[in-house]
N, C-alpha and C. Protein backbone atom coordinates (compact mmCIF):
# COMPACT_ATOMS: atom_id res chain seq x y z
N UNK A 1 60.96 39.31 0.24
CA UNK A 1 59.07 38.16 -0.84
C UNK A 1 58.98 37.34 -0.10
N UNK A 2 59.74 36.71 0.58
CA UNK A 2 59.39 34.83 1.09
C UNK A 2 58.65 35.09 2.16
N UNK A 3 58.79 36.02 3.40
CA UNK A 3 57.84 36.49 4.16
C UNK A 3 57.16 37.16 4.16
N UNK A 4 56.81 37.97 3.28
CA UNK A 4 55.48 38.96 2.81
C UNK A 4 54.66 38.05 2.12
N UNK A 5 55.29 36.30 1.51
CA UNK A 5 53.94 35.60 0.73
C UNK A 5 53.49 34.71 2.08
N UNK A 6 54.44 34.69 2.94
CA UNK A 6 54.06 33.36 4.46
C UNK A 6 52.94 34.77 5.48
N UNK A 7 53.00 36.24 5.12
CA UNK A 7 52.25 37.22 5.66
C UNK A 7 51.04 36.85 5.17
N UNK A 8 51.32 37.22 3.86
CA UNK A 8 49.59 36.89 3.03
C UNK A 8 48.40 36.16 3.27
N UNK A 9 49.62 34.78 3.31
CA UNK A 9 48.90 33.43 3.51
C UNK A 9 48.21 33.32 5.05
N UNK A 10 49.16 34.16 5.86
CA UNK A 10 48.18 33.60 6.71
C UNK A 10 47.31 34.48 7.20
N UNK A 11 47.37 35.71 6.89
CA UNK A 11 46.39 37.01 6.73
C UNK A 11 45.05 36.18 6.35
N UNK A 12 44.90 35.37 4.36
CA UNK A 12 44.45 34.55 4.59
C UNK A 12 43.40 34.02 5.27
N UNK A 13 44.08 33.10 5.88
CA UNK A 13 43.41 31.79 6.82
C UNK A 13 43.10 32.68 7.94
N UNK A 14 43.51 33.33 8.39
CA UNK A 14 42.83 34.03 9.69
C UNK A 14 41.81 34.88 8.93
N UNK A 15 41.46 35.36 8.03
CA UNK A 15 40.42 35.76 7.47
C UNK A 15 39.01 34.51 7.14
N UNK A 16 39.81 33.84 6.88
CA UNK A 16 38.83 32.46 6.60
C UNK A 16 38.41 31.46 7.79
N UNK A 17 39.81 31.82 9.14
CA UNK A 17 39.08 31.30 9.87
C UNK A 17 38.12 32.51 11.31
N UNK A 18 38.05 33.53 11.14
CA UNK A 18 37.42 34.38 11.39
C UNK A 18 35.73 34.42 10.99
N UNK A 19 35.85 34.08 9.68
CA UNK A 19 34.38 33.69 8.63
C UNK A 19 33.49 32.70 9.15
N UNK A 20 34.68 31.91 9.12
CA UNK A 20 34.13 29.98 9.57
C UNK A 20 33.37 30.40 11.04
N UNK A 21 34.04 31.17 11.64
CA UNK A 21 33.54 31.45 13.21
C UNK A 21 32.19 32.06 13.32
N UNK A 22 32.38 32.88 12.45
CA UNK A 22 31.12 34.19 12.42
C UNK A 22 30.07 32.96 12.08
N UNK A 23 29.83 32.37 10.97
CA UNK A 23 28.72 31.78 10.47
C UNK A 23 28.44 30.70 11.59
N UNK A 24 30.01 29.85 12.06
CA UNK A 24 29.04 29.45 13.48
C UNK A 24 28.34 29.52 14.16
N UNK A 25 28.81 31.06 14.86
CA UNK A 25 28.07 31.70 15.48
C UNK A 25 27.06 31.90 15.54
N UNK A 26 26.66 32.39 13.72
CA UNK A 26 25.19 32.64 13.44
C UNK A 26 24.64 31.63 13.49
N UNK A 27 24.82 30.23 13.16
CA UNK A 27 24.29 29.06 12.81
C UNK A 27 23.73 28.81 14.31
N UNK A 28 24.51 28.89 15.48
CA UNK A 28 24.19 28.76 16.86
C UNK A 28 22.92 29.58 17.11
N UNK A 29 23.20 30.82 17.01
CA UNK A 29 22.54 32.20 17.47
C UNK A 29 20.87 31.75 16.77
N UNK A 30 20.82 31.41 15.42
CA UNK A 30 19.67 31.27 14.88
C UNK A 30 19.22 30.04 15.59
N UNK A 31 19.54 28.61 15.79
CA UNK A 31 19.43 27.47 15.58
C UNK A 31 18.45 27.58 17.33
N UNK A 32 19.80 28.15 18.18
CA UNK A 32 19.09 27.67 19.62
C UNK A 32 18.46 29.90 20.04
N UNK A 33 18.17 30.20 19.41
CA UNK A 33 17.88 31.69 20.02
C UNK A 33 16.66 32.16 19.14
N UNK A 34 16.92 32.11 17.76
CA UNK A 34 16.01 33.18 16.92
C UNK A 34 15.02 32.01 16.13
N UNK A 35 15.08 30.83 16.44
CA UNK A 35 14.15 29.54 15.64
C UNK A 35 13.55 29.17 16.57
N UNK A 36 13.71 28.80 17.97
CA UNK A 36 12.61 28.51 18.75
C UNK A 36 12.07 29.60 19.19
N UNK A 37 12.01 31.37 19.01
CA UNK A 37 11.16 31.85 19.72
C UNK A 37 10.29 32.33 18.02
N UNK A 38 10.88 31.92 16.43
CA UNK A 38 9.65 31.89 15.44
C UNK A 38 8.73 30.70 15.92
N UNK A 39 9.36 29.66 16.62
CA UNK A 39 8.29 28.72 16.30
C UNK A 39 7.60 28.78 17.95
N UNK A 40 7.66 29.88 18.36
CA UNK A 40 7.50 29.54 19.80
C UNK A 40 6.04 30.56 19.34
N UNK A 41 6.45 32.23 18.67
CA UNK A 41 5.66 32.79 17.94
C UNK A 41 4.07 32.31 16.93
N UNK A 42 4.57 31.40 16.16
CA UNK A 42 4.14 29.97 15.48
C UNK A 42 3.08 29.37 16.13
N UNK A 43 3.06 29.03 16.98
CA UNK A 43 2.06 27.92 17.86
C UNK A 43 1.34 29.41 18.88
N UNK A 44 1.78 30.54 18.94
CA UNK A 44 0.97 31.49 19.49
C UNK A 44 0.07 31.70 18.43
N UNK A 45 -0.03 32.22 17.45
CA UNK A 45 -0.50 32.47 15.92
C UNK A 45 -1.73 31.00 16.00
N UNK A 46 -1.42 29.80 15.82
CA UNK A 46 -2.00 28.74 16.11
C UNK A 46 -3.48 28.74 17.09
N UNK A 47 -2.92 29.01 18.31
CA UNK A 47 -3.43 28.97 19.26
C UNK A 47 -4.49 29.64 19.58
N UNK A 48 -4.35 31.01 19.07
CA UNK A 48 -4.64 32.34 18.48
C UNK A 48 -6.04 32.06 17.75
N UNK A 49 -5.90 31.38 16.35
CA UNK A 49 -6.63 31.26 15.58
C UNK A 49 -7.27 29.97 15.81
N UNK A 50 -7.17 28.92 17.03
CA UNK A 50 -7.97 28.15 17.20
C UNK A 50 -9.24 28.98 18.01
N UNK A 51 -8.93 29.74 19.20
CA UNK A 51 -9.77 30.46 19.97
C UNK A 51 -10.90 31.04 18.75
N UNK A 52 -10.39 31.39 17.96
CA UNK A 52 -10.88 32.62 17.58
C UNK A 52 -12.11 31.41 16.55
N UNK A 53 -11.72 30.08 16.18
CA UNK A 53 -12.23 29.32 15.04
C UNK A 53 -13.58 28.36 16.60
N UNK A 54 -12.89 28.29 17.35
CA UNK A 54 -13.71 27.37 18.40
C UNK A 54 -14.78 28.65 18.35
N UNK A 55 -15.02 29.87 18.81
CA UNK A 55 -15.78 30.71 18.93
C UNK A 55 -16.61 30.84 17.93
N UNK A 56 -16.26 30.85 16.90
CA UNK A 56 -16.99 31.15 15.66
C UNK A 56 -17.77 30.08 15.43
N UNK A 57 -17.63 28.70 15.57
CA UNK A 57 -18.38 27.49 15.35
C UNK A 57 -19.41 27.32 16.63
N UNK A 58 -18.88 27.70 18.01
CA UNK A 58 -20.01 28.46 18.69
C UNK A 58 -21.46 29.18 18.66
N UNK A 59 -20.53 29.75 17.70
CA UNK A 59 -21.86 31.07 17.43
C UNK A 59 -22.86 30.27 16.00
N UNK A 60 -22.30 29.88 15.54
CA UNK A 60 -22.83 28.83 14.36
C UNK A 60 -24.17 27.78 15.09
N UNK A 61 -23.47 27.14 16.30
CA UNK A 61 -24.62 26.37 16.65
C UNK A 61 -25.48 27.18 17.67
N UNK A 62 -25.05 28.37 17.81
CA UNK A 62 -26.53 29.01 18.95
C UNK A 62 -27.46 29.42 17.46
N UNK A 63 -27.10 29.59 16.27
CA UNK A 63 -27.81 30.39 15.04
C UNK A 63 -28.87 29.03 14.89
N UNK A 64 -27.94 27.85 15.03
CA UNK A 64 -29.22 26.70 14.67
C UNK A 64 -30.03 26.31 15.11
N UNK A 65 -31.31 25.73 14.44
CA UNK A 65 -32.51 25.58 14.75
C UNK A 65 -32.32 24.27 15.69
N UNK A 66 -32.96 24.35 17.19
CA UNK A 66 -32.74 23.46 18.37
C UNK A 66 -33.67 21.87 18.07
N UNK A 67 -34.57 22.36 17.18
CA UNK A 67 -35.38 20.84 16.71
C UNK A 67 -35.10 20.13 15.23
N UNK A 68 -33.86 20.02 15.01
CA UNK A 68 -33.36 19.68 14.29
C UNK A 68 -33.10 18.03 14.66
N UNK A 69 -33.49 16.82 13.94
CA UNK A 69 -32.69 15.69 14.29
C UNK A 69 -31.34 15.17 14.67
N UNK A 70 -30.42 15.18 15.06
CA UNK A 70 -29.36 14.12 14.89
C UNK A 70 -29.11 13.21 14.30
N UNK A 71 -28.17 13.23 13.00
CA UNK A 71 -28.09 12.01 12.54
C UNK A 71 -27.66 10.59 12.87
N UNK A 72 -27.58 10.04 12.14
CA UNK A 72 -27.71 8.98 13.06
C UNK A 72 -25.88 8.47 12.89
N UNK A 73 -25.17 9.12 12.11
CA UNK A 73 -23.52 8.89 12.27
C UNK A 73 -22.89 9.07 12.88
N UNK A 74 -23.96 10.08 14.22
CA UNK A 74 -22.46 10.82 15.39
C UNK A 74 -22.73 12.10 15.20
N UNK A 75 -22.50 12.62 13.43
CA UNK A 75 -22.25 13.86 13.21
C UNK A 75 -23.25 15.08 14.02
N UNK A 76 -23.09 16.22 14.34
CA UNK A 76 -23.58 17.28 14.95
C UNK A 76 -25.22 17.41 13.88
N UNK A 77 -25.04 17.35 12.60
CA UNK A 77 -26.05 17.44 11.84
C UNK A 77 -26.33 19.26 11.68
N UNK A 78 -25.40 19.79 11.88
CA UNK A 78 -25.32 21.31 11.50
C UNK A 78 -25.39 21.39 9.63
N UNK A 79 -25.84 22.06 9.67
CA UNK A 79 -25.18 22.69 8.31
C UNK A 79 -24.18 23.52 7.94
N UNK A 80 -23.63 23.67 8.80
CA UNK A 80 -22.39 24.42 8.18
C UNK A 80 -21.50 23.81 9.04
N UNK A 81 -20.44 23.65 8.18
CA UNK A 81 -19.57 22.66 8.20
C UNK A 81 -18.16 23.35 9.37
N UNK A 82 -17.57 22.90 10.57
CA UNK A 82 -17.19 23.43 12.07
C UNK A 82 -15.88 23.04 10.97
N UNK A 83 -14.90 24.86 11.73
CA UNK A 83 -13.70 25.20 11.22
C UNK A 83 -12.68 24.61 12.15
N UNK A 84 -12.28 24.02 11.29
CA UNK A 84 -10.77 22.78 11.84
C UNK A 84 -9.83 24.31 11.88
N UNK A 85 -9.41 24.04 12.83
CA UNK A 85 -7.77 24.73 12.72
C UNK A 85 -6.15 23.74 12.73
N UNK A 86 -5.33 23.92 11.64
CA UNK A 86 -4.20 23.87 11.44
C UNK A 86 -3.10 24.29 11.87
N UNK A 87 -2.27 23.42 12.14
CA UNK A 87 -1.04 23.86 12.79
C UNK A 87 0.57 23.02 12.07
N UNK A 88 1.03 24.13 10.71
CA UNK A 88 1.53 22.85 10.22
C UNK A 88 1.24 21.89 9.76
N UNK A 89 -0.19 21.95 9.06
CA UNK A 89 -0.80 20.96 8.14
C UNK A 89 -1.63 20.14 9.27
N UNK A 90 -1.21 19.85 10.37
CA UNK A 90 -1.81 19.11 11.05
C UNK A 90 -2.94 19.75 12.05
N UNK A 91 -3.94 18.53 12.44
CA UNK A 91 -5.44 19.23 13.22
C UNK A 91 -5.18 18.89 14.28
N UNK A 92 -5.92 20.95 15.06
CA UNK A 92 -5.09 20.99 16.87
C UNK A 92 -7.00 20.60 17.31
N UNK A 93 -7.03 19.33 18.36
CA UNK A 93 -7.93 18.95 18.86
C UNK A 93 -8.47 19.96 20.09
N UNK A 94 -7.08 21.03 20.84
CA UNK A 94 -7.11 21.75 21.78
C UNK A 94 -5.72 22.19 21.78
N UNK A 95 -5.82 22.53 23.08
CA UNK A 95 -3.68 23.06 23.51
C UNK A 95 -3.75 23.14 25.11
N UNK A 96 -2.97 22.78 25.18
CA UNK A 96 -2.44 22.48 27.06
C UNK A 96 -1.27 23.52 27.23
N UNK A 97 -1.76 23.88 28.58
CA UNK A 97 -0.98 25.00 29.35
C UNK A 97 -0.68 24.25 30.85
N UNK A 98 1.09 24.48 30.86
CA UNK A 98 1.42 23.71 32.08
C UNK A 98 1.95 25.12 32.84
N UNK A 99 1.78 25.90 33.03
CA UNK A 99 1.91 27.73 33.84
C UNK A 99 3.39 27.02 34.74
N UNK A 100 3.62 25.77 35.86
CA UNK A 100 4.67 25.66 36.49
C UNK A 100 5.75 25.67 35.36
N UNK A 101 5.64 25.56 34.35
CA UNK A 101 6.60 25.27 32.84
C UNK A 101 7.08 25.72 32.02
N UNK A 102 5.61 27.21 32.08
CA UNK A 102 5.46 28.23 31.06
C UNK A 102 4.98 27.60 29.70
N UNK A 103 4.53 26.01 29.21
CA UNK A 103 4.26 25.56 28.33
C UNK A 103 3.00 25.87 28.21
N UNK A 104 2.69 26.04 27.28
CA UNK A 104 1.55 26.53 26.17
C UNK A 104 2.13 26.25 24.75
N UNK A 105 1.16 24.90 24.33
CA UNK A 105 1.35 23.94 22.89
C UNK A 105 -0.44 23.67 22.28
N UNK A 106 -0.25 23.36 21.38
CA UNK A 106 -1.55 23.33 20.77
C UNK A 106 -1.03 21.70 20.57
N UNK A 107 -2.25 20.73 21.09
CA UNK A 107 -2.37 19.79 20.93
C UNK A 107 -3.16 19.15 19.59
N UNK A 108 -2.42 18.26 18.85
CA UNK A 108 -2.59 17.44 17.46
C UNK A 108 -3.02 16.13 17.68
N UNK A 109 -4.11 15.85 17.01
CA UNK A 109 -4.55 14.48 16.89
C UNK A 109 -4.06 13.35 16.23
N UNK A 110 -2.86 12.84 15.33
CA UNK A 110 -2.09 11.85 15.41
C UNK A 110 -0.69 12.26 15.84
N UNK A 111 -0.36 11.19 15.95
CA UNK A 111 1.20 10.91 16.15
C UNK A 111 2.03 10.03 15.43
N UNK A 112 2.83 11.06 14.48
CA UNK A 112 3.87 10.41 13.14
C UNK A 112 5.19 11.64 14.36
N UNK A 113 6.14 11.05 13.51
CA UNK A 113 7.46 11.35 13.34
C UNK A 113 7.47 13.22 13.07
N UNK A 114 6.91 13.33 12.51
CA UNK A 114 6.32 14.58 12.22
C UNK A 114 5.99 15.46 13.01
N UNK A 115 4.35 15.14 13.43
CA UNK A 115 3.98 15.48 14.27
C UNK A 115 4.67 16.07 15.50
N UNK A 116 5.08 15.03 16.07
CA UNK A 116 6.31 15.04 16.79
C UNK A 116 7.34 16.03 17.41
N UNK A 117 7.69 16.11 16.22
CA UNK A 117 8.58 17.58 15.87
C UNK A 117 8.35 19.06 16.01
N UNK A 118 6.77 19.05 15.41
CA UNK A 118 5.85 20.03 15.88
C UNK A 118 5.50 20.73 16.67
N UNK A 119 4.96 19.49 17.83
CA UNK A 119 4.21 19.95 18.95
C UNK A 119 3.91 18.82 19.60
N UNK A 120 2.74 19.14 20.59
CA UNK A 120 2.64 17.24 21.66
C UNK A 120 1.24 17.04 20.74
N UNK A 121 1.03 15.34 21.05
CA UNK A 121 0.17 14.56 20.18
C UNK A 121 -0.50 13.97 21.31
N UNK A 122 -2.55 13.28 20.80
CA UNK A 122 -2.37 13.01 21.00
C UNK A 122 -2.41 11.11 20.71
N UNK A 123 -1.64 10.35 21.95
CA UNK A 123 -1.83 8.97 21.98
C UNK A 123 -2.62 8.00 21.61
N UNK A 124 -3.23 8.43 22.53
CA UNK A 124 -4.33 6.95 22.96
C UNK A 124 -6.07 7.95 23.67
N UNK A 125 -6.96 7.44 23.54
CA UNK A 125 -7.17 6.69 22.87
C UNK A 125 -7.27 6.79 21.19
N UNK A 126 -7.76 5.78 20.02
CA UNK A 126 -7.59 6.79 18.79
C UNK A 126 -9.22 7.66 18.97
N UNK A 127 -9.08 8.34 17.94
CA UNK A 127 -10.41 9.37 17.58
C UNK A 127 -10.69 10.17 19.29
N UNK A 128 -9.53 10.95 20.46
CA UNK A 128 -9.69 11.23 21.43
C UNK A 128 -10.71 12.15 21.26
N UNK A 129 -11.25 12.95 22.55
CA UNK A 129 -11.96 13.59 22.33
C UNK A 129 -11.58 14.24 24.08
N UNK A 130 -10.95 15.27 24.23
CA UNK A 130 -10.12 15.81 25.09
C UNK A 130 -11.41 16.26 26.25
N UNK A 131 -11.46 16.46 27.67
CA UNK A 131 -11.58 17.28 28.41
C UNK A 131 -13.37 15.83 28.75
N UNK A 132 -13.15 14.82 28.40
CA UNK A 132 -14.14 14.10 28.48
C UNK A 132 -13.97 13.02 29.55
N UNK A 133 -14.89 11.93 29.94
CA UNK A 133 -14.61 11.31 30.71
C UNK A 133 -13.66 10.19 30.60
N UNK A 134 -12.70 9.50 31.23
CA UNK A 134 -11.59 8.48 30.56
C UNK A 134 -10.28 9.12 30.62
N UNK A 135 -9.14 8.40 30.31
CA UNK A 135 -7.91 9.19 30.30
C UNK A 135 -7.72 9.20 28.70
N UNK A 136 -6.67 10.05 28.49
CA UNK A 136 -6.65 10.96 27.10
C UNK A 136 -4.51 11.04 27.53
N UNK A 137 -4.01 10.00 26.45
CA UNK A 137 -2.56 10.05 27.13
C UNK A 137 -1.94 10.99 25.91
N UNK A 138 -1.62 11.87 26.45
CA UNK A 138 -0.50 13.29 25.28
C UNK A 138 1.10 13.06 25.38
N UNK A 139 2.15 12.55 24.22
CA UNK A 139 2.78 12.65 24.14
C UNK A 139 3.17 13.98 23.48
N UNK A 140 5.14 13.91 24.25
CA UNK A 140 6.01 14.73 23.36
C UNK A 140 7.53 15.01 23.59
N UNK A 141 8.31 15.58 23.12
CA UNK A 141 9.19 15.12 23.06
C UNK A 141 9.94 15.79 24.01
N UNK A 142 11.54 15.51 24.96
CA UNK A 142 11.93 15.80 26.07
C UNK A 142 13.46 16.42 24.66
N UNK A 143 13.56 17.51 24.47
CA UNK A 143 14.37 17.99 23.84
C UNK A 143 15.63 18.60 24.38
N UNK A 144 14.95 18.49 26.00
CA UNK A 144 16.37 18.52 27.18
C UNK A 144 16.71 20.77 26.84
N UNK A 145 15.35 21.02 26.45
CA UNK A 145 15.94 22.80 25.88
C UNK A 145 14.86 23.46 27.00
N UNK A 146 14.07 23.10 27.55
CA UNK A 146 12.26 23.31 27.55
C UNK A 146 10.95 23.35 26.64
N UNK A 147 11.59 22.83 25.54
CA UNK A 147 10.38 22.77 24.73
C UNK A 147 9.64 21.75 24.79
N UNK A 148 8.45 22.01 24.65
CA UNK A 148 7.57 20.66 24.60
C UNK A 148 7.43 19.92 25.97
N UNK A 149 7.48 18.63 26.21
CA UNK A 149 7.59 18.37 27.83
C UNK A 149 9.10 18.48 28.15
N UNK A 150 9.98 18.95 27.79
CA UNK A 150 11.26 18.97 28.54
C UNK A 150 11.47 19.25 29.80
N UNK A 151 10.85 20.01 30.39
CA UNK A 151 10.83 19.82 32.10
C UNK A 151 9.31 19.05 32.44
N UNK A 152 8.88 18.64 32.08
CA UNK A 152 7.72 17.55 32.47
C UNK A 152 8.55 17.05 34.03
N UNK A 153 9.99 16.80 34.23
CA UNK A 153 10.64 16.48 35.09
C UNK A 153 10.54 17.09 36.39
N UNK A 154 10.48 18.42 36.14
CA UNK A 154 10.30 19.34 36.96
C UNK A 154 8.77 19.56 37.52
N UNK A 155 7.82 18.56 37.39
CA UNK A 155 6.80 19.00 37.81
C UNK A 155 6.30 17.85 39.03
N UNK A 156 5.66 18.28 39.31
CA UNK A 156 5.16 17.54 40.72
C UNK A 156 3.63 17.21 41.14
N UNK A 157 3.65 16.85 42.46
CA UNK A 157 2.20 16.34 42.55
C UNK A 157 1.63 17.48 43.08
N UNK A 158 0.48 18.37 42.84
CA UNK A 158 -0.57 18.80 43.05
C UNK A 158 -0.37 20.09 41.61
N UNK A 159 1.12 20.11 40.91
CA UNK A 159 0.61 21.14 39.93
C UNK A 159 -0.58 20.77 39.06
N UNK A 160 -0.84 22.20 38.16
CA UNK A 160 -1.71 22.06 37.15
C UNK A 160 -1.80 22.00 36.57
N UNK A 161 -2.23 21.73 35.47
CA UNK A 161 -2.16 21.60 33.67
C UNK A 161 -3.77 21.71 33.32
N UNK A 162 -3.87 22.61 32.48
CA UNK A 162 -5.13 23.50 31.21
C UNK A 162 -5.45 22.74 30.30
N UNK A 163 -6.30 22.26 30.34
CA UNK A 163 -6.69 21.48 28.31
C UNK A 163 -7.88 22.26 28.00
N UNK A 164 -7.64 23.30 26.94
CA UNK A 164 -8.89 24.00 25.87
C UNK A 164 -9.44 22.80 25.30
N UNK A 165 -9.93 22.55 24.49
CA UNK A 165 -10.64 21.37 23.61
C UNK A 165 -11.23 22.41 22.69
N UNK A 166 -12.04 21.67 21.50
CA UNK A 166 -12.23 22.21 20.82
C UNK A 166 -13.63 22.58 20.90
N UNK A 167 -14.67 22.54 21.69
CA UNK A 167 -15.67 23.05 22.27
C UNK A 167 -15.39 24.77 22.69
N UNK A 168 -14.58 25.09 23.30
CA UNK A 168 -13.85 26.38 24.29
C UNK A 168 -13.70 26.11 25.43
N UNK A 169 -14.73 24.56 25.73
CA UNK A 169 -14.24 24.13 27.62
C UNK A 169 -12.91 24.23 27.52
N UNK A 170 -12.59 24.50 28.81
CA UNK A 170 -11.14 24.53 29.56
C UNK A 170 -11.27 24.07 30.79
N UNK A 171 -10.50 22.86 30.84
CA UNK A 171 -10.26 22.27 32.82
C UNK A 171 -9.12 22.39 32.63
N UNK A 172 -9.25 22.52 34.08
CA UNK A 172 -8.24 22.19 34.90
C UNK A 172 -7.50 20.73 35.76
N UNK A 173 -6.34 20.20 35.51
CA UNK A 173 -6.21 19.16 35.98
C UNK A 173 -5.03 19.38 36.85
N UNK A 174 -5.68 18.64 38.03
CA UNK A 174 -4.08 18.30 38.92
C UNK A 174 -3.45 17.04 39.59
N UNK A 175 -2.20 17.12 38.75
CA UNK A 175 -1.59 15.88 38.81
C UNK A 175 -1.31 15.30 40.24
N UNK A 176 -1.62 13.82 40.26
CA UNK A 176 -1.87 12.98 41.47
C UNK A 176 -0.67 11.69 41.27
N UNK A 177 0.31 11.76 40.32
CA UNK A 177 1.17 11.10 40.16
C UNK A 177 1.85 10.56 39.43
N UNK A 178 2.90 10.42 39.63
CA UNK A 178 4.73 10.82 38.83
C UNK A 178 5.78 9.87 38.58
N UNK A 179 5.75 9.04 37.31
CA UNK A 179 6.76 7.75 37.74
C UNK A 179 7.32 7.82 36.75
N UNK A 180 8.33 6.32 36.71
CA UNK A 180 9.45 6.46 36.05
C UNK A 180 9.11 5.14 34.74
N UNK A 181 9.03 4.58 34.14
CA UNK A 181 8.59 3.24 33.91
C UNK A 181 9.07 3.14 31.99
N UNK A 182 8.88 1.97 31.66
CA UNK A 182 9.79 1.39 30.03
C UNK A 182 8.96 2.30 29.10
N UNK A 183 9.20 2.05 27.73
CA UNK A 183 8.00 2.52 26.45
C UNK A 183 7.46 2.14 26.32
N UNK A 184 7.64 0.59 26.93
CA UNK A 184 6.54 -0.49 25.99
C UNK A 184 5.22 -0.59 27.40
N UNK A 185 5.13 0.19 28.08
CA UNK A 185 4.24 -0.44 29.67
C UNK A 185 3.29 0.71 29.10
N UNK A 186 2.00 0.33 28.53
CA UNK A 186 0.89 0.59 28.57
C UNK A 186 -0.42 0.62 29.54
N UNK A 187 0.32 0.05 30.50
CA UNK A 187 -0.79 -0.64 31.43
C UNK A 187 -1.85 0.60 32.27
N UNK A 188 -1.14 1.60 32.57
CA UNK A 188 -2.01 2.85 32.98
C UNK A 188 -2.56 3.70 31.82
N UNK A 189 -2.47 2.90 30.38
CA UNK A 189 -3.46 3.61 29.42
C UNK A 189 -4.86 3.59 29.79
N UNK A 190 -5.11 2.65 29.91
CA UNK A 190 -6.96 2.48 29.94
C UNK A 190 -7.47 1.73 31.81
N UNK A 191 -6.62 2.58 32.67
CA UNK A 191 -6.83 2.81 33.92
C UNK A 191 -8.43 3.13 33.90
N UNK A 192 -9.22 2.92 35.49
CA UNK A 192 -10.76 3.28 35.73
C UNK A 192 -10.12 4.63 36.29
N UNK A 193 -10.88 5.38 35.66
CA UNK A 193 -11.00 6.81 36.02
C UNK A 193 -12.40 7.41 37.20
N UNK A 194 -13.18 6.19 37.26
CA UNK A 194 -14.50 6.69 37.63
C UNK A 194 -15.59 7.37 36.74
N UNK A 195 -15.87 7.63 35.95
CA UNK A 195 -15.95 8.83 34.96
C UNK A 195 -15.71 9.94 34.96
N UNK A 196 -14.80 10.10 36.27
CA UNK A 196 -13.80 11.39 35.56
C UNK A 196 -12.59 11.37 34.37
N UNK A 197 -12.51 12.93 34.24
CA UNK A 197 -11.50 13.21 32.71
C UNK A 197 -10.41 13.50 33.29
N UNK A 198 -9.38 12.34 32.65
CA UNK A 198 -8.04 12.12 33.09
C UNK A 198 -7.21 12.51 31.96
N UNK A 199 -5.64 12.50 32.31
CA UNK A 199 -4.72 12.76 31.13
C UNK A 199 -3.85 12.30 31.68
N UNK A 200 -2.53 11.88 30.57
CA UNK A 200 -1.43 11.24 31.04
C UNK A 200 -0.54 12.29 30.11
N UNK A 201 0.29 12.32 30.57
CA UNK A 201 1.66 13.13 29.77
C UNK A 201 2.52 11.89 29.77
N UNK A 202 3.44 12.20 28.68
CA UNK A 202 4.52 11.02 28.63
C UNK A 202 5.34 11.33 27.55
N UNK A 203 6.86 11.22 28.11
CA UNK A 203 7.60 12.31 27.57
C UNK A 203 9.16 11.65 27.77
N UNK A 204 10.08 11.10 27.89
CA UNK A 204 11.41 10.08 27.64
C UNK A 204 12.10 11.38 29.10
N UNK A 205 12.75 10.30 29.53
CA UNK A 205 14.11 10.78 30.13
C UNK A 205 15.16 11.66 29.64
N UNK A 206 15.86 12.33 30.30
CA UNK A 206 17.18 12.67 29.36
C UNK A 206 18.06 12.25 29.15
N UNK A 207 18.40 11.00 29.57
CA UNK A 207 18.93 9.68 28.91
C UNK A 207 18.17 9.00 27.87
N UNK A 208 16.66 9.16 27.62
CA UNK A 208 16.15 8.79 26.85
C UNK A 208 15.99 7.51 27.27
N UNK A 209 16.10 6.71 28.12
CA UNK A 209 16.17 5.24 28.67
C UNK A 209 15.38 5.00 29.41
N UNK A 210 14.09 5.86 29.56
CA UNK A 210 12.96 5.71 30.15
C UNK A 210 11.94 6.68 29.86
N UNK A 211 10.79 6.21 30.49
CA UNK A 211 9.70 7.93 30.61
C UNK A 211 8.98 8.13 31.53
N UNK A 212 8.97 9.34 31.37
CA UNK A 212 8.72 10.04 32.66
C UNK A 212 7.02 10.24 32.39
N UNK A 213 6.03 9.54 33.48
CA UNK A 213 4.75 9.64 33.42
C UNK A 213 4.16 10.50 33.87
N UNK A 214 2.97 11.42 34.05
CA UNK A 214 2.41 11.93 34.81
C UNK A 214 0.88 11.64 34.79
N UNK A 215 0.71 11.49 35.92
CA UNK A 215 -1.00 11.36 35.48
C UNK A 215 -1.67 12.46 36.49
N UNK A 216 -2.78 12.63 36.07
CA UNK A 216 -3.63 14.41 36.24
C UNK A 216 -5.12 14.00 36.09
N UNK A 217 -5.42 14.73 36.98
CA UNK A 217 -7.27 14.23 37.70
C UNK A 217 -8.05 15.85 37.01
N UNK A 218 -9.19 15.74 36.37
CA UNK A 218 -9.71 17.05 36.45
C UNK A 218 -10.53 17.00 37.65
N UNK A 219 -10.06 18.61 37.98
CA UNK A 219 -10.71 19.41 39.23
C UNK A 219 -12.03 19.32 39.33
N UNK A 220 -12.72 19.66 40.36
CA UNK A 220 -14.23 19.88 40.52
C UNK A 220 -15.11 17.98 40.36
């Protein structure tokens, strides 16, 4: 009887152990396989919606009378409000494509802990306009898993980056410098681009002790 009792206890413990292993394996599969794929699908859907909204906005502009006087507040003066694209509650300014690292991510208009967990975002200047003369700093997390700017360390001078903005313009940028610096260093933000559109990609190193900075200039 005692042997059978202990045998039953061991069987129950073994079943509990197997269930715990299966739950743990399921958790890992969801977090490292299923969830990233779902996130990627949502980003692709947001980018497709962005392209659609840009196309509709541009068609609306073509239909507006060309003799309207632009208002003094700097708005377009269009009678129809521009459609904005939201990704998880944040406004998309455009999206970035980095062929070398297989990255295609929305660019959000604000840097917060939540936005940086969602996509990449513009850090400088305030109220940035993509693909315009001057420098725009785009920051993204390094999760060391290929997501966002995790693989920026693999990029080299000469590699290409594409930025599409909310006017429908897509520019290709060529990397011309890559270096590491401290998190506090902002000296490169206000560099003189000589009237050319430039971007800066910023992310942390794998050990989080420094930042990987990539400078790129628009082709043409």
